[in-house]
């Protein structure tokens, strides 16, 4: 498995459909958009499986580094504490476009 990101902050944003975790991976380091089956490795040592939507999220002003937006639907801030590591299996992940979002 590969580390996709380490959660530094979370935001519950209903307009995006769930819990946004930041920072997302750099655009050049990951070939999204996609829905990924991921493993969340919590700071307390526990681990759970979840689905992560990797998509473009517009920001104003634009960020200095172009990063993917990462959204967990159905999870809350207490489910994904700061310090959680998000791991995925790149070889086992077929490209699965995130509904309604196209690569730019």
Protein backbone atom coordinates (compact mmCIF):
# COMPACT_ATOMS: atom_id res chain seq x y z
CA UNK A 1 0.00 0.00 0.00
CA UNK A 2 1.09 3.59 -0.64
CA UNK A 3 0.55 6.61 1.58
CA UNK A 4 -1.78 9.05 -0.22
CA UNK A 5 -1.94 11.72 2.49
CA UNK A 6 -1.66 12.48 6.19
CA UNK A 7 -4.65 14.45 7.49
CA UNK A 8 -3.70 17.89 8.82
CA UNK A 9 -7.24 19.28 9.06
CA UNK A 10 -10.85 18.35 8.29
CA UNK A 11 -13.91 20.34 7.26
CA UNK A 12 -17.53 19.17 7.18
CA UNK A 13 -18.84 20.83 4.00
CA UNK A 14 -22.35 19.71 2.96
CA UNK A 15 -21.98 21.35 -0.48
CA UNK A 16 -19.14 18.90 -1.24
CA UNK A 17 -21.14 15.98 0.12
CA UNK A 18 -19.15 15.14 3.21
CA UNK A 19 -15.92 15.50 5.11
CA UNK A 20 -13.10 17.26 3.25
CA UNK A 21 -9.61 16.30 4.44
CA UNK A 22 -6.51 18.36 3.73
CA UNK A 23 -3.97 18.52 2.33
CA UNK A 24 -4.90 16.48 -0.72
CA UNK A 25 -2.17 14.95 -2.85
CA UNK A 26 -0.39 17.17 -5.35
CA UNK A 27 -2.03 17.00 -8.78
CA UNK A 28 1.18 15.81 -10.45
CA UNK A 29 1.62 13.01 -7.89
CA UNK A 30 -1.78 11.34 -8.32
CA UNK A 31 -3.86 10.66 -11.46
CA UNK A 32 -7.41 11.32 -10.20
CA UNK A 33 -10.29 11.96 -10.18
CA UNK A 34 -11.43 8.65 -8.70
CA UNK A 35 -13.30 6.85 -5.97
CA UNK A 36 -10.71 4.90 -3.99
CA UNK A 37 -11.04 2.13 -1.45
CA UNK A 38 -8.59 3.26 1.22
CA UNK A 39 -7.34 2.23 4.62
CA UNK A 40 -7.45 4.87 7.35
CA UNK A 41 -4.64 4.35 9.86
CA UNK A 42 -5.59 6.33 12.95
CA UNK A 43 -3.13 7.98 15.36
CA UNK A 44 -4.26 5.50 18.06
CA UNK A 45 -3.10 2.54 15.91
CA UNK A 46 -6.52 1.35 14.75
CA UNK A 47 -7.36 0.98 11.06
CA UNK A 48 -10.62 1.03 9.10
CA UNK A 49 -11.60 0.78 5.43
CA UNK A 50 -13.41 3.67 3.72
CA UNK A 51 -14.18 5.09 0.28
CA UNK A 52 -12.46 8.36 -0.62
CA UNK A 53 -13.58 10.57 -3.50
CA UNK A 54 -10.63 12.35 -5.11
CA UNK A 55 -11.88 15.32 -7.15
CA UNK A 56 -11.14 18.88 -8.21
CA UNK A 57 -12.34 21.48 -5.71
CA UNK A 58 -12.22 25.08 -6.88
CA UNK A 59 -10.57 27.54 -4.53
CA UNK A 60 -10.49 31.32 -4.52
CA UNK A 61 -7.83 32.56 -4.55
CA UNK A 62 -6.17 29.66 -6.38
CA UNK A 63 -3.67 27.71 -4.29
CA UNK A 64 0.07 28.02 -4.86
CA UNK A 65 0.22 24.24 -5.43
CA UNK A 66 -2.50 22.44 -7.39
CA UNK A 67 -3.86 19.66 -5.16
CA UNK A 68 -6.70 17.17 -5.40
CA UNK A 69 -9.71 17.62 -3.13
CA UNK A 70 -10.44 14.59 -0.94
CA UNK A 71 -13.94 13.91 0.39
CA UNK A 72 -15.26 11.14 2.63
CA UNK A 73 -19.02 10.78 2.32
CA UNK A 74 -20.79 9.58 5.45
CA UNK A 75 -17.87 10.21 7.80
CA UNK A 76 -17.50 12.96 10.40
CA UNK A 77 -14.55 14.79 11.96
CA UNK A 78 -14.51 12.32 14.84
CA UNK A 79 -14.15 9.43 12.35
CA UNK A 80 -11.00 10.92 10.74
CA UNK A 81 -8.87 12.65 13.39
CA UNK A 82 -5.94 14.89 12.53
CA UNK A 83 -2.87 12.70 12.04
CA UNK A 84 -4.78 9.90 10.29
CA UNK A 85 -2.87 8.38 7.39
CA UNK A 86 -4.79 7.50 4.21
CA UNK A 87 -3.30 4.50 2.38
CA UNK A 88 -4.30 2.99 -0.98
CA UNK A 89 -3.22 0.10 -3.18
CA UNK A 90 -2.31 1.63 -6.58
CA UNK A 91 -1.89 -1.69 -8.42
CA UNK A 92 -5.32 -2.87 -7.29
CA UNK A 93 -7.11 0.40 -8.08
CA UNK A 94 -8.74 0.46 -11.50
CA UNK A 95 -9.48 4.00 -12.63
CA UNK A 96 -12.93 4.78 -11.27
CA UNK A 97 -14.09 8.28 -12.23
CA UNK A 98 -15.75 10.20 -9.44
CA UNK A 99 -19.38 10.86 -10.36
CA UNK A 100 -19.90 14.27 -11.92
CA UNK A 101 -16.27 15.33 -11.94
CA UNK A 102 -13.93 15.36 -14.90
CA UNK A 103 -10.18 15.78 -14.98
CA UNK A 104 -9.02 19.20 -16.05
